[in-house]
Amino acid sequence: MTSTSTPDFPLRHWSRRGAGALFLWPVSQIYRALSGFRRFLYARRLLRTGRLDVPVVVVGNLTVGGTGKTPLVIALARALLVAGYRPGIVSRGYPGSDPGPREVHPGDSPSEVGDESLLLAARCECPVFIGRKRFAAGGALLAQHPEVDVILCDDGLQHYALARDIEIAVEDSRGSGNGFLLPAGPLREPVSRRVDYRVANGVTRTGTSRMDIVPAGFFWVDSPRDPVGDGLLTGSVHAFAGIGSPDRFFRSLQSLGLSFVEHRFPDHHAYRAEDLQFEGADWILMTEKDAVKCRRFGRDNLVYLRVDARLDPAFLQRLTSQLRECLNGRQTS
């Protein structure tokens, strides 16, 4: 049983070089040419790139769709805090209506600041700023929080207007799909695009660092710091997800031994109270990204699954070492 489902045609033809992908391949060559020309303009400084006063680490995807980027940004922010850094986070704030730049606080409206940035503000003990112009958002963050010594840019791999010191590309089990660029395939940029680090979510691949997203407990949607007691989720359980890769969420619930009725919504769906009127539901489970949009409903049977990204210690060691070199280089220049 599903309530609203995301169209799966793109996912189907992006996974193989079938008729649909081949039909769109000529269009993808136009996309390749235009995106390549854009990169050329930035590389030749014919389009302006702004550089902030602190190192910038960009985390993004070469493909469309959810790969686990937001959990990685949360894990990196926490790891940097433990290592003695004072990070800040910059995000576009999609699909929020506010163009920014502005700081995001946990109580802000998701329709204004976006669901992912709101989640980052709730989970990360560091300032989070949004802005369609990332350079302006980063400048506003540093002006208001001069203690910040490194910027994490969430989903900015193709945002060349912001200069970056380190690039991290996240992928999952789908890899590069059929290897074609949009719209014939899932790639935003060619798979040969160079980055400093490739992080693979849930899979082991040559040339990548593995990341695993693991369940970290159930929490109340209307009281997000309070865990749900063990054994409470009995009776009729419904689960829904409006994220880029909902199957990953449902598999996590199954791995925890739960039986549930599954519902799917489009990524970044703007929920209404009536969307969650599942007949006979004793409990309604959701992702943490969905939870930030459902707190205003004031219902006591809404629960979200918190997840954490478990990172390779060797990857974190290399990253922090590279950051130290960036900071030392700026101090001596």
C-alpha atoms as a PDB file:
ATOM      1  CA  MET A   1       0.000   0.000   0.000  1.00  0.00           C
ATOM      2  CA  THR A   2       1.385   3.420  -0.948  1.00  0.00           C
ATOM      3  CA  SER A   3      -0.138   6.851  -0.609  1.00  0.00           C
ATOM      4  CA  THR A   4       1.890   8.953  -3.008  1.00  0.00           C
ATOM      5  CA  SER A   5       4.780   7.583  -5.008  1.00  0.00           C
ATOM      6  CA  THR A   6       7.659   9.221  -6.814  1.00  0.00           C
ATOM      7  CA  PRO A   7       7.668   8.584 -10.587  1.00  0.00           C
ATOM      8  CA  ASP A   8      10.191   5.815 -11.163  1.00  0.00           C
ATOM      9  CA  PHE A   9      10.705   6.227 -14.918  1.00  0.00           C
ATOM     10  CA  PRO A  10      13.931   8.266 -14.555  1.00  0.00           C
ATOM     11  CA  LEU A  11      15.346   5.734 -12.094  1.00  0.00           C
ATOM     12  CA  ARG A  12      14.541   2.867 -14.449  1.00  0.00           C
ATOM     13  CA  HIS A  13      16.103   4.319 -17.558  1.00  0.00           C
ATOM     14  CA  TRP A  14      19.058   5.774 -15.647  1.00  0.00           C
ATOM     15  CA  SER A  15      20.056   2.322 -14.394  1.00  0.00           C
ATOM     16  CA  ARG A  16      20.657   0.861 -17.864  1.00  0.00           C
ATOM     17  CA  ARG A  17      21.344   1.904 -21.435  1.00  0.00           C
ATOM     18  CA  GLY A  18      17.914   1.008 -22.728  1.00  0.00           C
ATOM     19  CA  ALA A  19      15.682   2.648 -25.290  1.00  0.00           C
ATOM     20  CA  GLY A  20      14.714   5.568 -23.044  1.00  0.00           C
ATOM     21  CA  ALA A  21      18.316   6.437 -22.201  1.00  0.00           C
ATOM     22  CA  LEU A  22      19.489   6.079 -25.795  1.00  0.00           C
ATOM     23  CA  PHE A  23      16.636   8.271 -27.028  1.00  0.00           C
ATOM     24  CA  LEU A  24      17.745  11.047 -24.655  1.00  0.00           C
ATOM     25  CA  TRP A  25      21.478  10.596 -25.238  1.00  0.00           C
ATOM     26  CA  PRO A  26      21.719  13.380 -27.880  1.00  0.00           C
ATOM     27  CA  VAL A  27      20.170  15.806 -25.390  1.00  0.00           C
ATOM     28  CA  SER A  28      22.706  14.719 -22.775  1.00  0.00           C
ATOM     29  CA  GLN A  29      25.494  15.725 -25.170  1.00  0.00           C
ATOM     30  CA  ILE A  30      24.071  19.228 -25.280  1.00  0.00           C
ATOM     31  CA  TYR A  31      23.993  19.214 -21.472  1.00  0.00           C
ATOM     32  CA  ARG A  32      27.620  17.981 -21.426  1.00  0.00           C
ATOM     33  CA  ALA A  33      28.717  20.785 -23.749  1.00  0.00           C
ATOM     34  CA  LEU A  34      26.919  23.511 -21.803  1.00  0.00           C
ATOM     35  CA  SER A  35      28.134  22.322 -18.387  1.00  0.00           C
ATOM     36  CA  GLY A  36      31.671  21.910 -19.726  1.00  0.00           C
ATOM     37  CA  PHE A  37      31.611  25.417 -21.171  1.00  0.00           C
ATOM     38  CA  ARG A  38      30.429  26.746 -17.811  1.00  0.00           C
ATOM     39  CA  ARG A  39      33.323  25.014 -16.017  1.00  0.00           C
ATOM     40  CA  PHE A  40      35.704  26.470 -18.632  1.00  0.00           C
ATOM     41  CA  LEU A  41      34.434  29.998 -17.964  1.00  0.00           C
ATOM     42  CA  TYR A  42      35.047  29.622 -14.236  1.00  0.00           C
ATOM     43  CA  ALA A  43      38.459  28.012 -14.787  1.00  0.00           C
ATOM     44  CA  ARG A  44      39.502  30.927 -17.034  1.00  0.00           C
ATOM     45  CA  ARG A  45      38.057  33.395 -14.497  1.00  0.00           C
ATOM     46  CA  LEU A  46      35.639  34.762 -17.055  1.00  0.00           C
ATOM     47  CA  LEU A  47      32.955  34.066 -14.455  1.00  0.00           C
ATOM     48  CA  ARG A  48      33.718  35.289 -10.971  1.00  0.00           C
ATOM     49  CA  THR A  49      34.651  32.926  -8.160  1.00  0.00           C
ATOM     50  CA  GLY A  50      34.653  34.219  -4.583  1.00  0.00           C
ATOM     51  CA  ARG A  51      37.133  32.935  -2.003  1.00  0.00           C
ATOM     52  CA  LEU A  52      36.338  33.055   1.715  1.00  0.00           C
ATOM     53  CA  ASP A  53      38.886  33.791   4.442  1.00  0.00           C
ATOM     54  CA  VAL A  54      38.796  30.215   5.768  1.00  0.00           C
ATOM     55  CA  PRO A  55      39.156  26.810   4.062  1.00  0.00           C
ATOM     56  CA  VAL A  56      36.033  25.512   2.337  1.00  0.00           C
ATOM     57  CA  VAL A  57      35.125  21.813   2.152  1.00  0.00           C
ATOM     58  CA  VAL A  58      32.428  21.089  -0.421  1.00  0.00           C
ATOM     59  CA  VAL A  59      30.304  17.945  -0.055  1.00  0.00           C
ATOM     60  CA  GLY A  60      28.146  17.005  -3.030  1.00  0.00           C
ATOM     61  CA  ASN A  61      27.091  14.469  -5.631  1.00  0.00           C
ATOM     62  CA  LEU A  62      28.120  13.770  -9.177  1.00  0.00           C
ATOM     63  CA  THR A  63      24.678  12.195  -9.606  1.00  0.00           C
ATOM     64  CA  VAL A  64      21.136  13.297  -8.817  1.00  0.00           C
ATOM     65  CA  GLY A  65      19.193  11.656  -6.010  1.00  0.00           C
ATOM     66  CA  GLY A  66      19.877  10.990  -2.352  1.00  0.00           C
ATOM     67  CA  THR A  67      23.222   9.357  -1.622  1.00  0.00           C
ATOM     68  CA  GLY A  68      23.610  10.154   2.088  1.00  0.00           C
ATOM     69  CA  LYS A  69      25.175  13.583   1.721  1.00  0.00           C
ATOM     70  CA  THR A  70      23.384  15.217   4.663  1.00  0.00           C
ATOM     71  CA  PRO A  71      24.370  12.505   7.218  1.00  0.00           C
ATOM     72  CA  LEU A  72      27.949  12.873   5.978  1.00  0.00           C
ATOM     73  CA  VAL A  73      27.913  16.645   6.536  1.00  0.00           C
ATOM     74  CA  ILE A  74      26.575  16.093  10.069  1.00  0.00           C
ATOM     75  CA  ALA A  75      29.278  13.507  10.792  1.00  0.00           C
ATOM     76  CA  LEU A  76      32.008  15.763   9.396  1.00  0.00           C
ATOM     77  CA  ALA A  77      30.849  18.725  11.490  1.00  0.00           C
ATOM     78  CA  ARG A  78      30.951  16.584  14.633  1.00  0.00           C
ATOM     79  CA  ALA A  79      34.339  15.089  13.761  1.00  0.00           C
ATOM     80  CA  LEU A  80      35.826  18.528  13.134  1.00  0.00           C
ATOM     81  CA  LEU A  81      34.521  19.791  16.482  1.00  0.00           C
ATOM     82  CA  VAL A  82      36.145  16.828  18.229  1.00  0.00           C
ATOM     83  CA  ALA A  83      39.397  17.542  16.370  1.00  0.00           C
ATOM     84  CA  GLY A  84      39.428  21.101  17.695  1.00  0.00           C
ATOM     85  CA  TYR A  85      38.083  22.955  14.663  1.00  0.00           C
ATOM     86  CA  ARG A  86      35.201  25.438  14.745  1.00  0.00           C
ATOM     87  CA  PRO A  87      33.148  24.584  11.652  1.00  0.00           C
ATOM     88  CA  GLY A  88      30.250  26.407  10.065  1.00  0.00           C
ATOM     89  CA  ILE A  89      27.861  25.099   7.407  1.00  0.00           C
ATOM     90  CA  VAL A  90      26.602  26.784   4.252  1.00  0.00           C
ATOM     91  CA  SER A  91      23.684  25.396   2.249  1.00  0.00           C
ATOM     92  CA  ARG A  92      21.421  26.601  -0.523  1.00  0.00           C
ATOM     93  CA  GLY A  93      18.326  26.030   1.633  1.00  0.00           C
ATOM     94  CA  TYR A  94      16.414  24.131  -1.047  1.00  0.00           C
ATOM     95  CA  PRO A  95      13.415  24.077  -1.414  1.00  0.00           C
ATOM     96  CA  GLY A  96      12.914  26.976   0.971  1.00  0.00           C
ATOM     97  CA  SER A  97      11.561  30.297  -0.280  1.00  0.00           C
ATOM     98  CA  ASP A  98      14.083  32.574   1.473  1.00  0.00           C
ATOM     99  CA  PRO A  99      16.992  33.395  -0.892  1.00  0.00           C
ATOM    100  CA  GLY A 100      19.210  34.341   2.044  1.00  0.00           C
ATOM    101  CA  PRO A 101      21.755  34.868   3.254  1.00  0.00           C
ATOM    102  CA  ARG A 102      20.424  34.135   6.717  1.00  0.00           C
ATOM    103  CA  GLU A 103      21.191  31.956   9.710  1.00  0.00           C
ATOM    104  CA  VAL A 104      19.056  28.876  10.281  1.00  0.00           C
ATOM    105  CA  HIS A 105      17.705  28.048  13.732  1.00  0.00           C
ATOM    106  CA  PRO A 106      15.944  24.813  14.773  1.00  0.00           C
ATOM    107  CA  GLY A 107      12.610  26.607  15.182  1.00  0.00           C
ATOM    108  CA  ASP A 108      12.554  28.131  11.701  1.00  0.00           C
ATOM    109  CA  SER A 109       9.928  27.244   9.111  1.00  0.00           C
ATOM    110  CA  PRO A 110      11.023  24.518   6.659  1.00  0.00           C
ATOM    111  CA  SER A 111       9.060  26.253   3.912  1.00  0.00           C
ATOM    112  CA  GLU A 112      11.399  29.233   4.295  1.00  0.00           C
ATOM    113  CA  VAL A 113      14.810  27.675   4.985  1.00  0.00           C
ATOM    114  CA  GLY A 114      14.449  24.158   3.530  1.00  0.00           C
ATOM    115  CA  ASP A 115      14.243  20.786   5.231  1.00  0.00           C
ATOM    116  CA  GLU A 116      17.882  19.684   4.951  1.00  0.00           C
ATOM    117  CA  SER A 117      19.314  22.952   6.308  1.00  0.00           C
ATOM    118  CA  LEU A 118      16.819  22.806   9.173  1.00  0.00           C
ATOM    119  CA  LEU A 119      17.977  19.276   9.953  1.00  0.00           C
ATOM    120  CA  LEU A 120      21.613  20.433   9.885  1.00  0.00           C
ATOM    121  CA  ALA A 121      20.813  23.239  12.321  1.00  0.00           C
ATOM    122  CA  ALA A 122      19.081  20.792  14.664  1.00  0.00           C
ATOM    123  CA  ARG A 123      21.835  18.178  14.644  1.00  0.00           C
ATOM    124  CA  CYS A 124      25.055  20.180  14.336  1.00  0.00           C
ATOM    125  CA  GLU A 125      26.497  22.238  17.156  1.00  0.00           C
ATOM    126  CA  CYS A 126      27.707  24.927  14.782  1.00  0.00           C
ATOM    127  CA  PRO A 127      26.211  27.837  12.829  1.00  0.00           C
ATOM    128  CA  VAL A 128      24.261  27.037   9.656  1.00  0.00           C
ATOM    129  CA  PHE A 129      23.611  29.687   6.993  1.00  0.00           C
ATOM    130  CA  ILE A 130      21.617  29.409   3.783  1.00  0.00           C
ATOM    131  CA  GLY A 131      21.839  31.380   0.578  1.00  0.00           C
ATOM    132  CA  ARG A 132      21.305  30.812  -3.106  1.00  0.00           C
ATOM    133  CA  LYS A 133      24.651  32.565  -3.480  1.00  0.00           C
ATOM    134  CA  ARG A 134      26.912  30.404  -1.338  1.00  0.00           C
ATOM    135  CA  PHE A 135      29.753  32.930  -1.269  1.00  0.00           C
ATOM    136  CA  ALA A 136      27.442  35.580   0.188  1.00  0.00           C
ATOM    137  CA  ALA A 137      26.087  33.058   2.715  1.00  0.00           C
ATOM    138  CA  GLY A 138      29.624  32.122   3.748  1.00  0.00           C
ATOM    139  CA  GLY A 139      30.594  35.759   4.129  1.00  0.00           C
ATOM    140  CA  ALA A 140      27.538  36.446   6.280  1.00  0.00           C
ATOM    141  CA  LEU A 141      28.348  33.416   8.440  1.00  0.00           C
ATOM    142  CA  LEU A 142      31.940  34.540   9.026  1.00  0.00           C
ATOM    143  CA  ALA A 143      30.837  38.116   9.767  1.00  0.00           C
ATOM    144  CA  GLN A 144      28.443  36.921  12.453  1.00  0.00           C
ATOM    145  CA  HIS A 145      30.621  34.060  13.722  1.00  0.00           C
ATOM    146  CA  PRO A 146      34.274  35.136  13.368  1.00  0.00           C
ATOM    147  CA  GLU A 147      35.398  32.145  15.443  1.00  0.00           C
ATOM    148  CA  VAL A 148      34.584  29.753  12.567  1.00  0.00           C
ATOM    149  CA  ASP A 149      37.783  28.438  10.948  1.00  0.00           C
ATOM    150  CA  VAL A 150      36.398  26.036   8.312  1.00  0.00           C
ATOM    151  CA  ILE A 151      33.266  26.054   6.146  1.00  0.00           C
ATOM    152  CA  LEU A 152      31.392  22.905   5.128  1.00  0.00           C
ATOM    153  CA  CYS A 153      29.375  23.578   1.980  1.00  0.00           C
ATOM    154  CA  ASP A 154      26.411  21.223   1.725  1.00  0.00           C
ATOM    155  CA  ASP A 155      25.582  20.180  -1.862  1.00  0.00           C
ATOM    156  CA  GLY A 156      27.791  22.686  -3.660  1.00  0.00           C
ATOM    157  CA  LEU A 157      29.958  20.565  -5.939  1.00  0.00           C
ATOM    158  CA  GLN A 158      28.606  22.281  -9.068  1.00  0.00           C
ATOM    159  CA  HIS A 159      28.410  25.742  -7.462  1.00  0.00           C
ATOM    160  CA  TYR A 160      31.679  27.070  -8.871  1.00  0.00           C
ATOM    161  CA  ALA A 161      31.015  30.646  -7.775  1.00  0.00           C
ATOM    162  CA  LEU A 162      32.357  29.578  -4.363  1.00  0.00           C
ATOM    163  CA  ALA A 163      36.033  28.663  -4.370  1.00  0.00           C
ATOM    164  CA  ARG A 164      36.809  25.468  -2.495  1.00  0.00           C
ATOM    165  CA  ASP A 165      39.911  23.892  -0.972  1.00  0.00           C
ATOM    166  CA  ILE A 166      38.624  20.314  -0.662  1.00  0.00           C
ATOM    167  CA  GLU A 167      35.937  18.481  -2.638  1.00  0.00           C
ATOM    168  CA  ILE A 168      34.094  15.344  -1.470  1.00  0.00           C
ATOM    169  CA  ALA A 169      31.756  13.442  -3.811  1.00  0.00           C
ATOM    170  CA  VAL A 170      29.264  11.012  -2.260  1.00  0.00           C
ATOM    171  CA  GLU A 171      27.876   7.978  -4.062  1.00  0.00           C
ATOM    172  CA  ASP A 172      25.874   4.906  -3.105  1.00  0.00           C
ATOM    173  CA  SER A 173      25.224   1.409  -4.459  1.00  0.00           C
ATOM    174  CA  ARG A 174      23.792   2.889  -7.663  1.00  0.00           C
ATOM    175  CA  GLY A 175      27.173   4.337  -8.566  1.00  0.00           C
ATOM    176  CA  SER A 176      27.048   6.307 -11.809  1.00  0.00           C
ATOM    177  CA  GLY A 177      24.068   4.352 -13.149  1.00  0.00           C
ATOM    178  CA  ASN A 178      24.262   3.934 -16.898  1.00  0.00           C
ATOM    179  CA  GLY A 179      27.156   6.404 -17.101  1.00  0.00           C
ATOM    180  CA  PHE A 180      25.198   8.999 -19.100  1.00  0.00           C
ATOM    181  CA  LEU A 181      24.736  12.646 -18.190  1.00  0.00           C
ATOM    182  CA  LEU A 182      21.336  14.221 -17.634  1.00  0.00           C
ATOM    183  CA  PRO A 183      18.698  13.656 -18.884  1.00  0.00           C
ATOM    184  CA  ALA A 184      19.771  10.307 -20.371  1.00  0.00           C
ATOM    185  CA  GLY A 185      21.454   9.278 -17.127  1.00  0.00           C
ATOM    186  CA  PRO A 186      21.856  10.388 -13.511  1.00  0.00           C
ATOM    187  CA  LEU A 187      25.190  12.204 -13.857  1.00  0.00           C
ATOM    188  CA  ARG A 188      25.404  15.945 -13.265  1.00  0.00           C
ATOM    189  CA  GLU A 189      29.031  15.881 -14.390  1.00  0.00           C
ATOM    190  CA  PRO A 190      31.213  13.262 -16.081  1.00  0.00           C
ATOM    191  CA  VAL A 191      32.307  10.426 -13.816  1.00  0.00           C
ATOM    192  CA  SER A 192      35.906  11.357 -14.691  1.00  0.00           C
ATOM    193  CA  ARG A 193      35.472  14.660 -12.812  1.00  0.00           C
ATOM    194  CA  ARG A 194      38.335  14.962 -10.310  1.00  0.00           C
ATOM    195  CA  VAL A 195      37.598  15.419  -6.626  1.00  0.00           C
ATOM    196  CA  ASP A 196      39.771  15.075  -3.533  1.00  0.00           C
ATOM    197  CA  TYR A 197      37.722  12.295  -1.933  1.00  0.00           C
ATOM    198  CA  ARG A 198      35.025   9.886  -3.021  1.00  0.00           C
ATOM    199  CA  VAL A 199      32.851   8.469  -0.248  1.00  0.00           C
ATOM    200  CA  ALA A 200      30.710   5.403  -0.978  1.00  0.00           C
ATOM    201  CA  ASN A 201      27.605   4.942   1.155  1.00  0.00           C
ATOM    202  CA  GLY A 202      27.092   1.321   2.159  1.00  0.00           C
ATOM    203  CA  VAL A 203      29.432  -0.211  -0.417  1.00  0.00           C
ATOM    204  CA  THR A 204      33.149  -0.880  -0.749  1.00  0.00           C
ATOM    205  CA  ARG A 205      34.731   0.362  -3.966  1.00  0.00           C
ATOM    206  CA  THR A 206      38.298   0.864  -5.105  1.00  0.00           C
ATOM    207  CA  GLY A 207      39.359   4.476  -4.749  1.00  0.00           C
ATOM    208  CA  THR A 208      36.600   5.388  -2.284  1.00  0.00           C
ATOM    209  CA  SER A 209      36.244   5.634   1.476  1.00  0.00           C
ATOM    210  CA  ARG A 210      33.343   3.654   2.851  1.00  0.00           C
ATOM    211  CA  MET A 211      30.568   5.258   4.877  1.00  0.00           C
ATOM    212  CA  ASP A 212      27.776   3.367   6.609  1.00  0.00           C
ATOM    213  CA  ILE A 213      24.545   4.999   7.752  1.00  0.00           C
ATOM    214  CA  VAL A 214      23.402   3.245  10.899  1.00  0.00           C
ATOM    215  CA  PRO A 215      20.202   3.587  12.974  1.00  0.00           C
ATOM    216  CA  ALA A 216      20.680   5.651  16.137  1.00  0.00           C
ATOM    217  CA  GLY A 217      17.298   5.175  17.788  1.00  0.00           C
ATOM    218  CA  PHE A 218      13.688   6.323  17.573  1.00  0.00           C
ATOM    219  CA  PHE A 219      12.686   9.776  18.825  1.00  0.00           C
ATOM    220  CA  TRP A 220       9.433  11.692  19.220  1.00  0.00           C
ATOM    221  CA  VAL A 221       8.680  14.104  16.406  1.00  0.00           C
ATOM    222  CA  ASP A 222       7.113  16.689  18.734  1.00  0.00           C
ATOM    223  CA  SER A 223       9.963  16.305  21.261  1.00  0.00           C
ATOM    224  CA  PRO A 224      13.013  15.483  19.126  1.00  0.00           C
ATOM    225  CA  ARG A 225      15.497  15.144  21.984  1.00  0.00           C
ATOM    226  CA  ASP A 226      13.450  12.470  23.774  1.00  0.00           C
ATOM    227  CA  PRO A 227      13.958   8.812  22.753  1.00  0.00           C
ATOM    228  CA  VAL A 228      11.029   6.436  22.373  1.00  0.00           C
ATOM    229  CA  GLY A 229      10.963   3.704  25.002  1.00  0.00           C
ATOM    230  CA  ASP A 230      11.898   0.158  24.046  1.00  0.00           C
ATOM    231  CA  GLY A 231       9.004  -2.062  22.998  1.00  0.00           C
ATOM    232  CA  LEU A 232       6.579   0.815  22.581  1.00  0.00           C
ATOM    233  CA  LEU A 233       6.157   0.543  18.803  1.00  0.00           C
ATOM    234  CA  THR A 234       3.560  -2.217  18.729  1.00  0.00           C
ATOM    235  CA  GLY A 235       0.228  -2.535  16.988  1.00  0.00           C
ATOM    236  CA  SER A 236      -0.385  -1.103  13.519  1.00  0.00           C
ATOM    237  CA  VAL A 237       2.732   0.699  12.299  1.00  0.00           C
ATOM    238  CA  HIS A 238       2.849   2.849   9.161  1.00  0.00           C
ATOM    239  CA  ALA A 239       6.076   4.275   7.745  1.00  0.00           C
ATOM    240  CA  PHE A 240       6.577   6.941   5.114  1.00  0.00           C
ATOM    241  CA  ALA A 241       9.500   8.691   3.454  1.00  0.00           C
ATOM    242  CA  GLY A 242       9.860  11.708   1.196  1.00  0.00           C
ATOM    243  CA  ILE A 243      13.588  11.523   0.495  1.00  0.00           C
ATOM    244  CA  GLY A 244      15.810  10.834  -2.495  1.00  0.00           C
ATOM    245  CA  SER A 245      16.329   7.159  -1.613  1.00  0.00           C
ATOM    246  CA  PRO A 246      13.322   5.940   0.409  1.00  0.00           C
ATOM    247  CA  ASP A 247      14.252   2.258   0.040  1.00  0.00           C
ATOM    248  CA  ARG A 248      17.238   2.810   2.316  1.00  0.00           C
ATOM    249  CA  PHE A 249      14.935   4.026   5.085  1.00  0.00           C
ATOM    250  CA  PHE A 250      12.528   1.120   4.710  1.00  0.00           C
ATOM    251  CA  ARG A 251      15.402  -1.376   4.754  1.00  0.00           C
ATOM    252  CA  SER A 252      16.640   0.169   7.999  1.00  0.00           C
ATOM    253  CA  LEU A 253      13.244  -0.352   9.608  1.00  0.00           C
ATOM    254  CA  GLN A 254      13.166  -3.952   8.405  1.00  0.00           C
ATOM    255  CA  SER A 255      16.643  -4.540   9.826  1.00  0.00           C
ATOM    256  CA  LEU A 256      15.281  -3.450  13.214  1.00  0.00           C
ATOM    257  CA  GLY A 257      12.619  -6.174  13.024  1.00  0.00           C
ATOM    258  CA  LEU A 258       9.641  -3.902  12.399  1.00  0.00           C
ATOM    259  CA  SER A 259       6.581  -4.791  10.331  1.00  0.00           C
ATOM    260  CA  PHE A 260       4.882  -1.804   8.751  1.00  0.00           C
ATOM    261  CA  VAL A 261       2.752  -0.452   5.917  1.00  0.00           C
ATOM    262  CA  GLU A 262       4.913   1.517   3.497  1.00  0.00           C
ATOM    263  CA  HIS A 263       4.122   4.926   1.992  1.00  0.00           C
ATOM    264  CA  ARG A 264       6.226   6.990  -0.392  1.00  0.00           C
ATOM    265  CA  PHE A 265       6.200  10.711  -1.093  1.00  0.00           C
ATOM    266  CA  PRO A 266       8.283  12.836  -3.487  1.00  0.00           C
ATOM    267  CA  ASP A 267      11.604  14.158  -2.235  1.00  0.00           C
ATOM    268  CA  HIS A 268      11.237  17.432  -0.272  1.00  0.00           C
ATOM    269  CA  HIS A 269       7.450  16.945  -0.125  1.00  0.00           C
ATOM    270  CA  ALA A 270       5.613  19.735   1.740  1.00  0.00           C
ATOM    271  CA  TYR A 271       3.442  17.687   4.092  1.00  0.00           C
ATOM    272  CA  ARG A 272      -0.072  18.547   5.124  1.00  0.00           C
ATOM    273  CA  ALA A 273      -1.785  17.014   8.134  1.00  0.00           C
ATOM    274  CA  GLU A 274      -4.149  15.058   5.890  1.00  0.00           C
ATOM    275  CA  ASP A 275      -1.165  13.361   4.184  1.00  0.00           C
ATOM    276  CA  LEU A 276      -0.619  11.394   7.385  1.00  0.00           C
ATOM    277  CA  GLN A 277      -4.187  10.201   7.882  1.00  0.00           C
ATOM    278  CA  PHE A 278      -3.315   6.518   7.539  1.00  0.00           C
ATOM    279  CA  GLU A 279      -6.314   4.381   8.454  1.00  0.00           C
ATOM    280  CA  GLY A 280      -5.855   2.346  11.631  1.00  0.00           C
ATOM    281  CA  ALA A 281      -2.313   3.566  12.314  1.00  0.00           C
ATOM    282  CA  ASP A 282      -1.208   3.305  15.939  1.00  0.00           C
ATOM    283  CA  TRP A 283       2.259   4.626  15.119  1.00  0.00           C
ATOM    284  CA  ILE A 284       3.626   6.585  12.175  1.00  0.00           C
ATOM    285  CA  LEU A 285       7.360   6.383  11.498  1.00  0.00           C
ATOM    286  CA  MET A 286       9.356   8.749   9.303  1.00  0.00           C
ATOM    287  CA  THR A 287      12.860   9.928   8.469  1.00  0.00           C
ATOM    288  CA  GLU A 288      14.538  12.695  10.411  1.00  0.00           C
ATOM    289  CA  LYS A 289      14.391  14.988   7.367  1.00  0.00           C
ATOM    290  CA  ASP A 290      10.626  14.446   7.153  1.00  0.00           C
ATOM    291  CA  ALA A 291      10.246  15.000  10.899  1.00  0.00           C
ATOM    292  CA  VAL A 292      11.347  18.646  10.764  1.00  0.00           C
ATOM    293  CA  LYS A 293       8.325  19.319   8.517  1.00  0.00           C
ATOM    294  CA  CYS A 294       5.793  17.420  10.652  1.00  0.00           C
ATOM    295  CA  ARG A 295       6.403  18.838  14.131  1.00  0.00           C
ATOM    296  CA  ARG A 296       3.729  21.477  13.728  1.00  0.00           C
ATOM    297  CA  PHE A 297       0.995  18.830  13.426  1.00  0.00           C
ATOM    298  CA  GLY A 298       0.955  18.286  17.208  1.00  0.00           C
ATOM    299  CA  ARG A 299       0.276  14.535  17.125  1.00  0.00           C
ATOM    300  CA  ASP A 300       1.562  12.177  19.781  1.00  0.00           C
ATOM    301  CA  ASN A 301       1.989   9.073  17.595  1.00  0.00           C
ATOM    302  CA  LEU A 302       4.633  10.469  15.237  1.00  0.00           C
ATOM    303  CA  VAL A 303       8.118   8.974  15.580  1.00  0.00           C
ATOM    304  CA  TYR A 304      11.287   9.427  13.535  1.00  0.00           C
ATOM    305  CA  LEU A 305      14.339   7.247  13.086  1.00  0.00           C
ATOM    306  CA  ARG A 306      17.590   9.046  13.748  1.00  0.00           C
ATOM    307  CA  VAL A 307      20.579   7.839  11.747  1.00  0.00           C
ATOM    308  CA  ASP A 308      24.301   8.513  11.999  1.00  0.00           C
ATOM    309  CA  ALA A 309      27.028   8.211   9.391  1.00  0.00           C
ATOM    310  CA  ARG A 310      29.915   5.984  10.429  1.00  0.00           C
ATOM    311  CA  LEU A 311      33.074   7.119   8.652  1.00  0.00           C
ATOM    312  CA  ASP A 312      36.396   5.488   7.918  1.00  0.00           C
ATOM    313  CA  PRO A 313      38.934   6.803  10.495  1.00  0.00           C
ATOM    314  CA  ALA A 314      41.631   6.850   7.818  1.00  0.00           C
ATOM    315  CA  PHE A 315      39.473   9.162   5.695  1.00  0.00           C
ATOM    316  CA  LEU A 316      38.969  11.545   8.626  1.00  0.00           C
ATOM    317  CA  GLN A 317      42.688  11.529   9.374  1.00  0.00           C
ATOM    318  CA  ARG A 318      43.579  12.423   5.789  1.00  0.00           C
ATOM    319  CA  LEU A 319      40.901  15.115   5.670  1.00  0.00           C
ATOM    320  CA  THR A 320      41.955  16.825   8.899  1.00  0.00           C
ATOM    321  CA  SER A 321      45.605  16.634   7.839  1.00  0.00           C
ATOM    322  CA  GLN A 322      44.759  18.352   4.558  1.00  0.00           C
ATOM    323  CA  LEU A 323      42.762  20.978   6.438  1.00  0.00           C
ATOM    324  CA  ARG A 324      45.756  21.733   8.674  1.00  0.00           C
ATOM    325  CA  GLU A 325      47.870  22.258   5.571  1.00  0.00           C
ATOM    326  CA  CYS A 326      45.235  24.637   4.175  1.00  0.00           C
ATOM    327  CA  LEU A 327      45.113  26.621   7.401  1.00  0.00           C
ATOM    328  CA  ASN A 328      48.914  26.772   7.699  1.00  0.00           C
ATOM    329  CA  GLY A 329      49.186  27.912   4.092  1.00  0.00           C
ATOM    330  CA  ARG A 330      46.728  30.743   4.658  1.00  0.00           C
ATOM    331  CA  GLN A 331      48.500  31.859   7.835  1.00  0.00           C
ATOM    332  CA  THR A 332      51.887  32.031   6.114  1.00  0.00           C
ATOM    333  CA  SER A 333      50.666  33.681   2.897  1.00  0.00           C
END
